Amino acid sequence: MTSAHIPKLVGRFINLIVRVSPKLGARMALNLFRYPQSGKIKERHAELLKDAEKRTLYLNKRKIQTYRWPGEGKRVLLMHGWQSNSARWAPLLPKLQDKAYDIISMDAPGHGASGGRFFDAYQYALALDEVVKQLKPEVIVAHSVGGLTALYYKSHFESSGIQKIISLGAPDRLIDLTAVFIKLLGFSGQTIKAYNEEFTKFFEKDQDYYNAADFVKKIDIPGAVVHDRNDKLNLYRDGVNIAENWKGASFYTTTRLGHSLQSEEVYEIIVNELEKA
């Protein structure tokens, strides 16, 4: 058996549980969807973050780890995506420090050195709200689901201090990510139905509600959307949809960078957009 077979075995197990107890099986499926299997701080990550000023915030007794590289310019908050942490920004930091930006990064719930076992965009937004209230960033640069979270946050929370959001490779529709998850595990029709019902009960919203292209219609600040044509996780059309519905947003297309968008080209876009903020 190879590692590629493991998700299908897990899916079959959950399918069996759902047949006996739909509620239990659905909760297991939802927890699996919200459980990051990587992204905690490793030794190599700690080395990249060693020069940062570290400050721990708390939300309902749960730890939110933040990092700061002080500067005299605008305060910029960096938000990573799924199964990542603040170390992903290491290549960008020197570019921002050269411009004297006051840089902050946060580890998402269940990631990096932050607390918690589970992760979702709503929990990330609550943590972001605490960071905004206490550390008062002016611009957000966010990758992947960090971008979805930032857009959800700006459209649902009071955040008058945020002047601009730069979104990198963000997903548009949460339900598309769920579809990938369901296909990977091979959930049965019964399991999918139970999962959808559990999701709606847990979040008090259907999955269709979580669409970045809808969130940006409520956002009244300028922004930038960067998306790669070869992004196989969050498809290029996601970036197009977000940009087309966000008045005042600039849209940048890259090629052959994939989902990570780690490149000098993207760093230059970020710096240029920050200079316009």
C-alpha atoms as a PDB file:
ATOM      1  CA  MET A   1       0.000   0.000   0.000  1.00  0.00           C
ATOM      2  CA  THR A   2       1.308   3.454  -0.913  1.00  0.00           C
ATOM      3  CA  SER A   3       0.581   6.797   0.746  1.00  0.00           C
ATOM      4  CA  ALA A   4      -1.738   7.597  -2.171  1.00  0.00           C
ATOM      5  CA  HIS A   5      -4.119   4.874  -0.961  1.00  0.00           C
ATOM      6  CA  ILE A   6      -4.408   6.202   2.596  1.00  0.00           C
ATOM      7  CA  PRO A   7      -7.009   8.935   1.888  1.00  0.00           C
ATOM      8  CA  LYS A   8      -9.294   6.404   0.200  1.00  0.00           C
ATOM      9  CA  LEU A   9      -8.995   4.047   3.183  1.00  0.00           C
ATOM     10  CA  VAL A  10      -9.857   6.901   5.546  1.00  0.00           C
ATOM     11  CA  GLY A  11     -12.796   7.801   3.327  1.00  0.00           C
ATOM     12  CA  ARG A  12     -14.079   4.217   3.349  1.00  0.00           C
ATOM     13  CA  PHE A  13     -13.849   4.133   7.136  1.00  0.00           C
ATOM     14  CA  ILE A  14     -15.869   7.348   7.428  1.00  0.00           C
ATOM     15  CA  ASN A  15     -18.406   6.001   4.918  1.00  0.00           C
ATOM     16  CA  LEU A  16     -18.888   2.976   7.186  1.00  0.00           C
ATOM     17  CA  ILE A  17     -19.274   5.164  10.279  1.00  0.00           C
ATOM     18  CA  VAL A  18     -21.887   7.310   8.523  1.00  0.00           C
ATOM     19  CA  ARG A  19     -23.952   4.201   7.769  1.00  0.00           C
ATOM     20  CA  VAL A  20     -24.080   3.440  11.501  1.00  0.00           C
ATOM     21  CA  SER A  21     -24.136   6.992  12.875  1.00  0.00           C
ATOM     22  CA  PRO A  22     -24.514   9.798  10.317  1.00  0.00           C
ATOM     23  CA  LYS A  23     -23.928  12.493  12.936  1.00  0.00           C
ATOM     24  CA  LEU A  24     -20.677  10.956  14.220  1.00  0.00           C
ATOM     25  CA  GLY A  25     -19.364  10.225  10.742  1.00  0.00           C
ATOM     26  CA  ALA A  26     -20.210  13.723   9.523  1.00  0.00           C
ATOM     27  CA  ARG A  27     -18.416  15.313  12.479  1.00  0.00           C
ATOM     28  CA  MET A  28     -15.382  13.116  11.803  1.00  0.00           C
ATOM     29  CA  ALA A  29     -15.393  14.240   8.168  1.00  0.00           C
ATOM     30  CA  LEU A  30     -15.701  17.913   9.102  1.00  0.00           C
ATOM     31  CA  ASN A  31     -12.913  17.659  11.668  1.00  0.00           C
ATOM     32  CA  LEU A  32     -10.717  15.968   9.083  1.00  0.00           C
ATOM     33  CA  PHE A  33     -11.377  18.828   6.640  1.00  0.00           C
ATOM     34  CA  ARG A  34     -10.394  21.341   9.349  1.00  0.00           C
ATOM     35  CA  TYR A  35      -7.330  19.470  10.621  1.00  0.00           C
ATOM     36  CA  PRO A  36      -3.969  20.647   9.220  1.00  0.00           C
ATOM     37  CA  GLN A  37      -1.524  17.762   8.955  1.00  0.00           C
ATOM     38  CA  SER A  38       1.479  20.044   8.593  1.00  0.00           C
ATOM     39  CA  GLY A  39       2.387  23.678   9.126  1.00  0.00           C
ATOM     40  CA  LYS A  40       3.778  23.600  12.664  1.00  0.00           C
ATOM     41  CA  ILE A  41       7.103  25.314  13.326  1.00  0.00           C
ATOM     42  CA  LYS A  42      10.071  23.055  12.594  1.00  0.00           C
ATOM     43  CA  GLU A  43      13.727  23.731  13.340  1.00  0.00           C
ATOM     44  CA  ARG A  44      14.310  25.129   9.852  1.00  0.00           C
ATOM     45  CA  HIS A  45      11.359  27.495  10.287  1.00  0.00           C
ATOM     46  CA  ALA A  46      12.565  28.691  13.681  1.00  0.00           C
ATOM     47  CA  GLU A  47      15.897  29.612  12.120  1.00  0.00           C
ATOM     48  CA  LEU A  48      14.148  31.790   9.534  1.00  0.00           C
ATOM     49  CA  LEU A  49      12.120  33.538  12.241  1.00  0.00           C
ATOM     50  CA  LYS A  50      14.839  33.934  14.860  1.00  0.00           C
ATOM     51  CA  ASP A  51      15.395  37.662  14.236  1.00  0.00           C
ATOM     52  CA  ALA A  52      11.739  38.591  14.685  1.00  0.00           C
ATOM     53  CA  GLU A  53      10.268  40.199  17.778  1.00  0.00           C
ATOM     54  CA  LYS A  54       7.816  37.598  19.043  1.00  0.00           C
ATOM     55  CA  ARG A  55       4.572  38.502  20.754  1.00  0.00           C
ATOM     56  CA  THR A  56       1.856  36.111  21.822  1.00  0.00           C
ATOM     57  CA  LEU A  57      -1.761  37.252  21.797  1.00  0.00           C
ATOM     58  CA  TYR A  58      -4.695  35.291  23.176  1.00  0.00           C
ATOM     59  CA  LEU A  59      -8.266  34.803  22.025  1.00  0.00           C
ATOM     60  CA  ASN A  60     -10.483  32.826  24.390  1.00  0.00           C
ATOM     61  CA  LYS A  61      -7.295  31.535  26.049  1.00  0.00           C
ATOM     62  CA  ARG A  62      -6.028  30.261  22.698  1.00  0.00           C
ATOM     63  CA  LYS A  63      -2.566  31.350  21.617  1.00  0.00           C
ATOM     64  CA  ILE A  64      -2.025  33.529  18.531  1.00  0.00           C
ATOM     65  CA  GLN A  65       1.667  33.767  17.688  1.00  0.00           C
ATOM     66  CA  THR A  66       2.858  36.946  15.991  1.00  0.00           C
ATOM     67  CA  TYR A  67       6.231  38.114  14.703  1.00  0.00           C
ATOM     68  CA  ARG A  68       7.492  41.621  14.031  1.00  0.00           C
ATOM     69  CA  TRP A  69      10.344  43.131  12.062  1.00  0.00           C
ATOM     70  CA  PRO A  70      10.156  46.844  13.007  1.00  0.00           C
ATOM     71  CA  GLY A  71      10.356  49.615  10.457  1.00  0.00           C
ATOM     72  CA  GLU A  72       9.395  53.262  10.120  1.00  0.00           C
ATOM     73  CA  GLY A  73       6.945  52.817   7.240  1.00  0.00           C
ATOM     74  CA  LYS A  74       3.410  51.488   7.008  1.00  0.00           C
ATOM     75  CA  ARG A  75       2.582  48.504   9.167  1.00  0.00           C
ATOM     76  CA  VAL A  76       2.068  45.460   6.944  1.00  0.00           C
ATOM     77  CA  LEU A  77       0.499  42.204   8.136  1.00  0.00           C
ATOM     78  CA  LEU A  78       1.452  38.950   6.385  1.00  0.00           C
ATOM     79  CA  MET A  79      -1.017  36.030   6.443  1.00  0.00           C
ATOM     80  CA  HIS A  80      -0.044  32.540   5.265  1.00  0.00           C
ATOM     81  CA  GLY A  81      -2.299  29.812   3.887  1.00  0.00           C
ATOM     82  CA  TRP A  82      -3.249  26.209   4.658  1.00  0.00           C
ATOM     83  CA  GLN A  83      -0.580  23.937   6.184  1.00  0.00           C
ATOM     84  CA  SER A  84       1.990  26.730   6.243  1.00  0.00           C
ATOM     85  CA  ASN A  85       3.329  29.244   8.755  1.00  0.00           C
ATOM     86  CA  SER A  86       5.031  32.625   8.995  1.00  0.00           C
ATOM     87  CA  ALA A  87       8.337  31.234   7.733  1.00  0.00           C
ATOM     88  CA  ARG A  88       6.863  31.118   4.204  1.00  0.00           C
ATOM     89  CA  TRP A  89       7.439  34.880   4.049  1.00  0.00           C
ATOM     90  CA  ALA A  90      11.211  34.671   4.595  1.00  0.00           C
ATOM     91  CA  PRO A  91      12.099  35.397   0.918  1.00  0.00           C
ATOM     92  CA  LEU A  92       9.839  38.477   0.887  1.00  0.00           C
ATOM     93  CA  LEU A  93      11.057  40.009   4.149  1.00  0.00           C
ATOM     94  CA  PRO A  94      14.294  41.589   2.818  1.00  0.00           C
ATOM     95  CA  LYS A  95      12.324  43.301   0.028  1.00  0.00           C
ATOM     96  CA  LEU A  96       9.984  44.878   2.562  1.00  0.00           C
ATOM     97  CA  GLN A  97      12.760  45.726   4.999  1.00  0.00           C
ATOM     98  CA  ASP A  98      14.628  47.556   2.228  1.00  0.00           C
ATOM     99  CA  LYS A  99      11.597  49.856   2.048  1.00  0.00           C
ATOM    100  CA  ALA A 100      11.491  50.235   5.854  1.00  0.00           C
ATOM    101  CA  TYR A 101       8.016  48.747   6.272  1.00  0.00           C
ATOM    102  CA  ASP A 102       6.910  47.806   9.780  1.00  0.00           C
ATOM    103  CA  ILE A 103       6.278  44.098   9.195  1.00  0.00           C
ATOM    104  CA  ILE A 104       4.048  41.781  11.203  1.00  0.00           C
ATOM    105  CA  SER A 105       3.208  38.150  10.543  1.00  0.00           C
ATOM    106  CA  MET A 106       0.789  35.832  12.297  1.00  0.00           C
ATOM    107  CA  ASP A 107       0.485  32.065  12.523  1.00  0.00           C
ATOM    108  CA  ALA A 108      -3.045  30.864  11.814  1.00  0.00           C
ATOM    109  CA  PRO A 109      -4.973  28.709  14.309  1.00  0.00           C
ATOM    110  CA  GLY A 110      -3.564  25.190  14.308  1.00  0.00           C
ATOM    111  CA  HIS A 111      -0.479  26.345  12.404  1.00  0.00           C
ATOM    112  CA  GLY A 112       3.018  27.504  13.238  1.00  0.00           C
ATOM    113  CA  ALA A 113       3.368  28.293  16.929  1.00  0.00           C
ATOM    114  CA  SER A 114      -0.280  29.263  17.385  1.00  0.00           C
ATOM    115  CA  GLY A 115      -2.623  27.158  19.463  1.00  0.00           C
ATOM    116  CA  GLY A 116      -5.498  24.923  18.500  1.00  0.00           C
ATOM    117  CA  ARG A 117      -5.864  21.702  16.536  1.00  0.00           C
ATOM    118  CA  PHE A 118      -8.383  22.786  13.937  1.00  0.00           C
ATOM    119  CA  PHE A 119      -8.505  25.506  11.307  1.00  0.00           C
ATOM    120  CA  ASP A 120     -11.129  27.240   9.213  1.00  0.00           C
ATOM    121  CA  ALA A 121     -11.485  30.674   7.645  1.00  0.00           C
ATOM    122  CA  TYR A 122     -13.899  31.825  10.353  1.00  0.00           C
ATOM    123  CA  GLN A 123     -11.495  30.938  13.185  1.00  0.00           C
ATOM    124  CA  TYR A 124      -8.681  32.570  11.215  1.00  0.00           C
ATOM    125  CA  ALA A 125     -10.806  35.725  10.864  1.00  0.00           C
ATOM    126  CA  LEU A 126     -11.439  35.837  14.616  1.00  0.00           C
ATOM    127  CA  ALA A 127      -7.697  35.559  15.239  1.00  0.00           C
ATOM    128  CA  LEU A 128      -7.073  38.235  12.607  1.00  0.00           C
ATOM    129  CA  ASP A 129      -9.546  40.539  14.334  1.00  0.00           C
ATOM    130  CA  GLU A 130      -7.572  40.242  17.562  1.00  0.00           C
ATOM    131  CA  VAL A 131      -4.324  41.006  15.725  1.00  0.00           C
ATOM    132  CA  VAL A 132      -5.885  44.034  14.017  1.00  0.00           C
ATOM    133  CA  LYS A 133      -7.259  45.381  17.294  1.00  0.00           C
ATOM    134  CA  GLN A 134      -3.984  45.022  19.163  1.00  0.00           C
ATOM    135  CA  LEU A 135      -1.284  45.542  16.522  1.00  0.00           C
ATOM    136  CA  LYS A 136      -3.150  47.843  14.113  1.00  0.00           C
ATOM    137  CA  PRO A 137      -1.780  46.901  10.678  1.00  0.00           C
ATOM    138  CA  GLU A 138      -2.600  49.189   7.754  1.00  0.00           C
ATOM    139  CA  VAL A 139      -2.132  46.764   4.855  1.00  0.00           C
ATOM    140  CA  ILE A 140      -2.651  42.999   4.620  1.00  0.00           C
ATOM    141  CA  VAL A 141      -0.688  40.715   2.287  1.00  0.00           C
ATOM    142  CA  ALA A 142      -2.269  37.265   2.322  1.00  0.00           C
ATOM    143  CA  HIS A 143      -1.667  33.982   0.508  1.00  0.00           C
ATOM    144  CA  SER A 144      -4.232  31.310  -0.444  1.00  0.00           C
ATOM    145  CA  VAL A 145      -6.857  30.736   2.256  1.00  0.00           C
ATOM    146  CA  GLY A 146      -5.216  33.627   4.093  1.00  0.00           C
ATOM    147  CA  GLY A 147      -6.480  35.773   1.229  1.00  0.00           C
ATOM    148  CA  LEU A 148      -9.985  34.316   1.501  1.00  0.00           C
ATOM    149  CA  THR A 149      -9.884  35.011   5.239  1.00  0.00           C
ATOM    150  CA  ALA A 150      -8.709  38.600   4.797  1.00  0.00           C
ATOM    151  CA  LEU A 151     -11.512  39.288   2.306  1.00  0.00           C
ATOM    152  CA  TYR A 152     -14.097  37.626   4.560  1.00  0.00           C
ATOM    153  CA  TYR A 153     -12.784  39.638   7.498  1.00  0.00           C
ATOM    154  CA  LYS A 154     -12.893  42.991   5.727  1.00  0.00           C
ATOM    155  CA  SER A 155     -16.460  42.373   4.546  1.00  0.00           C
ATOM    156  CA  HIS A 156     -17.793  41.151   7.907  1.00  0.00           C
ATOM    157  CA  PHE A 157     -15.812  42.865  10.700  1.00  0.00           C
ATOM    158  CA  GLU A 158     -15.239  46.458  11.738  1.00  0.00           C
ATOM    159  CA  SER A 159     -11.730  47.124  10.431  1.00  0.00           C
ATOM    160  CA  SER A 160     -11.397  50.827   9.657  1.00  0.00           C
ATOM    161  CA  GLY A 161      -7.607  50.777   9.987  1.00  0.00           C
ATOM    162  CA  ILE A 162      -7.069  48.397   7.051  1.00  0.00           C
ATOM    163  CA  GLN A 163      -6.359  50.505   3.971  1.00  0.00           C
ATOM    164  CA  LYS A 164      -5.512  47.814   1.423  1.00  0.00           C
ATOM    165  CA  ILE A 165      -5.461  44.041   0.895  1.00  0.00           C
ATOM    166  CA  ILE A 166      -3.081  42.240  -1.454  1.00  0.00           C
ATOM    167  CA  SER A 167      -4.423  38.748  -2.147  1.00  0.00           C
ATOM    168  CA  LEU A 168      -2.152  36.033  -3.558  1.00  0.00           C
ATOM    169  CA  GLY A 169      -3.616  32.857  -5.071  1.00  0.00           C
ATOM    170  CA  ALA A 170      -6.784  32.960  -2.982  1.00  0.00           C
ATOM    171  CA  PRO A 171      -9.677  30.557  -3.582  1.00  0.00           C
ATOM    172  CA  ASP A 172     -13.019  31.977  -4.616  1.00  0.00           C
ATOM    173  CA  ARG A 173     -15.583  29.331  -3.648  1.00  0.00           C
ATOM    174  CA  LEU A 174     -15.068  27.225  -0.540  1.00  0.00           C
ATOM    175  CA  ILE A 175     -17.321  24.569  -2.021  1.00  0.00           C
ATOM    176  CA  ASP A 176     -14.733  23.961  -4.758  1.00  0.00           C
ATOM    177  CA  LEU A 177     -12.120  23.123  -2.104  1.00  0.00           C
ATOM    178  CA  THR A 178     -14.634  20.820  -0.439  1.00  0.00           C
ATOM    179  CA  ALA A 179     -15.211  19.035  -3.752  1.00  0.00           C
ATOM    180  CA  VAL A 180     -11.482  18.286  -4.024  1.00  0.00           C
ATOM    181  CA  PHE A 181     -11.486  16.968  -0.445  1.00  0.00           C
ATOM    182  CA  ILE A 182     -14.536  14.767  -1.111  1.00  0.00           C
ATOM    183  CA  LYS A 183     -13.048  13.342  -4.301  1.00  0.00           C
ATOM    184  CA  LEU A 184      -9.711  12.640  -2.607  1.00  0.00           C
ATOM    185  CA  LEU A 185     -11.358  10.588   0.133  1.00  0.00           C
ATOM    186  CA  GLY A 186     -14.012   8.978  -2.037  1.00  0.00           C
ATOM    187  CA  PHE A 187     -16.976   9.890   0.138  1.00  0.00           C
ATOM    188  CA  SER A 188     -20.273   8.181  -0.629  1.00  0.00           C
ATOM    189  CA  GLY A 189     -23.426  10.118  -1.460  1.00  0.00           C
ATOM    190  CA  GLN A 190     -24.703   9.451   2.056  1.00  0.00           C
ATOM    191  CA  THR A 191     -21.499  10.812   3.579  1.00  0.00           C
ATOM    192  CA  ILE A 192     -21.571  13.919   1.384  1.00  0.00           C
ATOM    193  CA  LYS A 193     -25.156  14.640   2.447  1.00  0.00           C
ATOM    194  CA  ALA A 194     -24.304  14.160   6.125  1.00  0.00           C
ATOM    195  CA  TYR A 195     -21.169  16.292   5.773  1.00  0.00           C
ATOM    196  CA  ASN A 196     -23.070  19.161   4.140  1.00  0.00           C
ATOM    197  CA  GLU A 197     -25.691  19.094   6.886  1.00  0.00           C
ATOM    198  CA  GLU A 198     -23.023  19.060   9.596  1.00  0.00           C
ATOM    199  CA  PHE A 199     -21.179  21.967   7.962  1.00  0.00           C
ATOM    200  CA  THR A 200     -24.338  24.081   7.866  1.00  0.00           C
ATOM    201  CA  LYS A 201     -25.165  23.245  11.473  1.00  0.00           C
ATOM    202  CA  PHE A 202     -21.618  23.953  12.700  1.00  0.00           C
ATOM    203  CA  PHE A 203     -21.026  27.230  10.845  1.00  0.00           C
ATOM    204  CA  GLU A 204     -24.678  28.344  10.648  1.00  0.00           C
ATOM    205  CA  LYS A 205     -24.081  28.995   6.948  1.00  0.00           C
ATOM    206  CA  ASP A 206     -24.134  26.830   3.832  1.00  0.00           C
ATOM    207  CA  GLN A 207     -20.838  26.297   2.032  1.00  0.00           C
ATOM    208  CA  ASP A 208     -22.161  28.374  -0.874  1.00  0.00           C
ATOM    209  CA  TYR A 209     -22.023  31.413   1.398  1.00  0.00           C
ATOM    210  CA  TYR A 210     -18.221  31.407   1.510  1.00  0.00           C
ATOM    211  CA  ASN A 211     -17.417  32.992  -1.851  1.00  0.00           C
ATOM    212  CA  ALA A 212     -14.622  35.554  -2.034  1.00  0.00           C
ATOM    213  CA  ALA A 213     -16.124  37.101  -5.178  1.00  0.00           C
ATOM    214  CA  ASP A 214     -19.217  37.942  -3.113  1.00  0.00           C
ATOM    215  CA  PHE A 215     -17.210  39.239  -0.157  1.00  0.00           C
ATOM    216  CA  VAL A 216     -15.284  41.772  -2.254  1.00  0.00           C
ATOM    217  CA  LYS A 217     -18.518  43.381  -3.435  1.00  0.00           C
ATOM    218  CA  LYS A 218     -18.844  44.703   0.126  1.00  0.00           C
ATOM    219  CA  ILE A 219     -15.247  45.960   0.348  1.00  0.00           C
ATOM    220  CA  ASP A 220     -14.673  49.679  -0.131  1.00  0.00           C
ATOM    221  CA  ILE A 221     -10.869  49.783  -0.046  1.00  0.00           C
ATOM    222  CA  PRO A 222      -8.427  49.285  -2.934  1.00  0.00           C
ATOM    223  CA  GLY A 223      -6.651  45.998  -3.363  1.00  0.00           C
ATOM    224  CA  ALA A 224      -4.622  43.763  -5.609  1.00  0.00           C
ATOM    225  CA  VAL A 225      -5.207  40.202  -6.768  1.00  0.00           C
ATOM    226  CA  VAL A 226      -2.323  38.028  -7.980  1.00  0.00           C
ATOM    227  CA  HIS A 227      -3.030  34.619  -9.499  1.00  0.00           C
ATOM    228  CA  ASP A 228      -1.047  32.171 -11.591  1.00  0.00           C
ATOM    229  CA  ARG A 229      -2.447  30.553 -14.724  1.00  0.00           C
ATOM    230  CA  ASN A 230      -0.907  27.244 -13.634  1.00  0.00           C
ATOM    231  CA  ASP A 231      -2.295  27.204 -10.090  1.00  0.00           C
ATOM    232  CA  LYS A 232      -3.629  23.664  -9.717  1.00  0.00           C
ATOM    233  CA  LEU A 233      -5.065  24.143  -6.233  1.00  0.00           C
ATOM    234  CA  ASN A 234      -7.024  27.379  -6.585  1.00  0.00           C
ATOM    235  CA  LEU A 235      -7.700  27.705 -10.282  1.00  0.00           C
ATOM    236  CA  TYR A 236      -6.935  30.835 -12.292  1.00  0.00           C
ATOM    237  CA  ARG A 237     -10.650  31.523 -12.713  1.00  0.00           C
ATOM    238  CA  ASP A 238     -10.819  32.090  -8.932  1.00  0.00           C
ATOM    239  CA  GLY A 239      -8.505  35.079  -9.202  1.00  0.00           C
ATOM    240  CA  VAL A 240     -10.393  36.383 -12.231  1.00  0.00           C
ATOM    241  CA  ASN A 241     -13.736  36.149 -10.411  1.00  0.00           C
ATOM    242  CA  ILE A 242     -12.408  37.919  -7.330  1.00  0.00           C
ATOM    243  CA  ALA A 243     -10.795  40.735  -9.319  1.00  0.00           C
ATOM    244  CA  GLU A 244     -13.823  41.277 -11.571  1.00  0.00           C
ATOM    245  CA  ASN A 245     -16.088  41.771  -8.552  1.00  0.00           C
ATOM    246  CA  TRP A 246     -13.741  43.995  -6.545  1.00  0.00           C
ATOM    247  CA  LYS A 247     -14.033  47.637  -7.532  1.00  0.00           C
ATOM    248  CA  GLY A 248     -10.664  49.354  -7.346  1.00  0.00           C
ATOM    249  CA  ALA A 249      -8.609  46.162  -7.376  1.00  0.00           C
ATOM    250  CA  SER A 250      -5.633  45.630  -9.662  1.00  0.00           C
ATOM    251  CA  PHE A 251      -5.263  42.174 -11.216  1.00  0.00           C
ATOM    252  CA  TYR A 252      -1.928  40.537 -11.986  1.00  0.00           C
ATOM    253  CA  THR A 253      -1.503  37.311 -13.934  1.00  0.00           C
ATOM    254  CA  THR A 254       1.630  35.199 -13.592  1.00  0.00           C
ATOM    255  CA  THR A 255       2.604  32.009 -15.404  1.00  0.00           C
ATOM    256  CA  ARG A 256       4.451  28.843 -14.392  1.00  0.00           C
ATOM    257  CA  LEU A 257       4.731  29.864 -10.736  1.00  0.00           C
ATOM    258  CA  GLY A 258       2.007  27.532  -9.488  1.00  0.00           C
ATOM    259  CA  HIS A 259       0.147  28.067  -6.239  1.00  0.00           C
ATOM    260  CA  SER A 260       3.051  29.200  -4.055  1.00  0.00           C
ATOM    261  CA  LEU A 261       3.733  32.394  -6.049  1.00  0.00           C
ATOM    262  CA  GLN A 262       7.206  32.546  -4.552  1.00  0.00           C
ATOM    263  CA  SER A 263       9.152  34.599  -7.098  1.00  0.00           C
ATOM    264  CA  GLU A 264      10.914  37.909  -7.626  1.00  0.00           C
ATOM    265  CA  GLU A 265       8.114  38.890 -10.010  1.00  0.00           C
ATOM    266  CA  VAL A 266       5.491  38.591  -7.278  1.00  0.00           C
ATOM    267  CA  TYR A 267       7.675  40.277  -4.658  1.00  0.00           C
ATOM    268  CA  GLU A 268       8.043  43.245  -7.012  1.00  0.00           C
ATOM    269  CA  ILE A 269       4.269  43.403  -7.469  1.00  0.00           C
ATOM    270  CA  ILE A 270       3.777  43.395  -3.692  1.00  0.00           C
ATOM    271  CA  VAL A 271       6.321  46.169  -3.135  1.00  0.00           C
ATOM    272  CA  ASN A 272       4.832  48.290  -5.915  1.00  0.00           C
ATOM    273  CA  GLU A 273       1.322  47.864  -4.533  1.00  0.00           C
ATOM    274  CA  LEU A 274       2.499  48.744  -1.032  1.00  0.00           C
ATOM    275  CA  GLU A 275       4.060  51.928  -2.357  1.00  0.00           C
ATOM    276  CA  LYS A 276       0.644  52.906  -3.731  1.00  0.00           C
ATOM    277  CA  ALA A 277      -1.133  52.192  -0.434  1.00  0.00           C
END
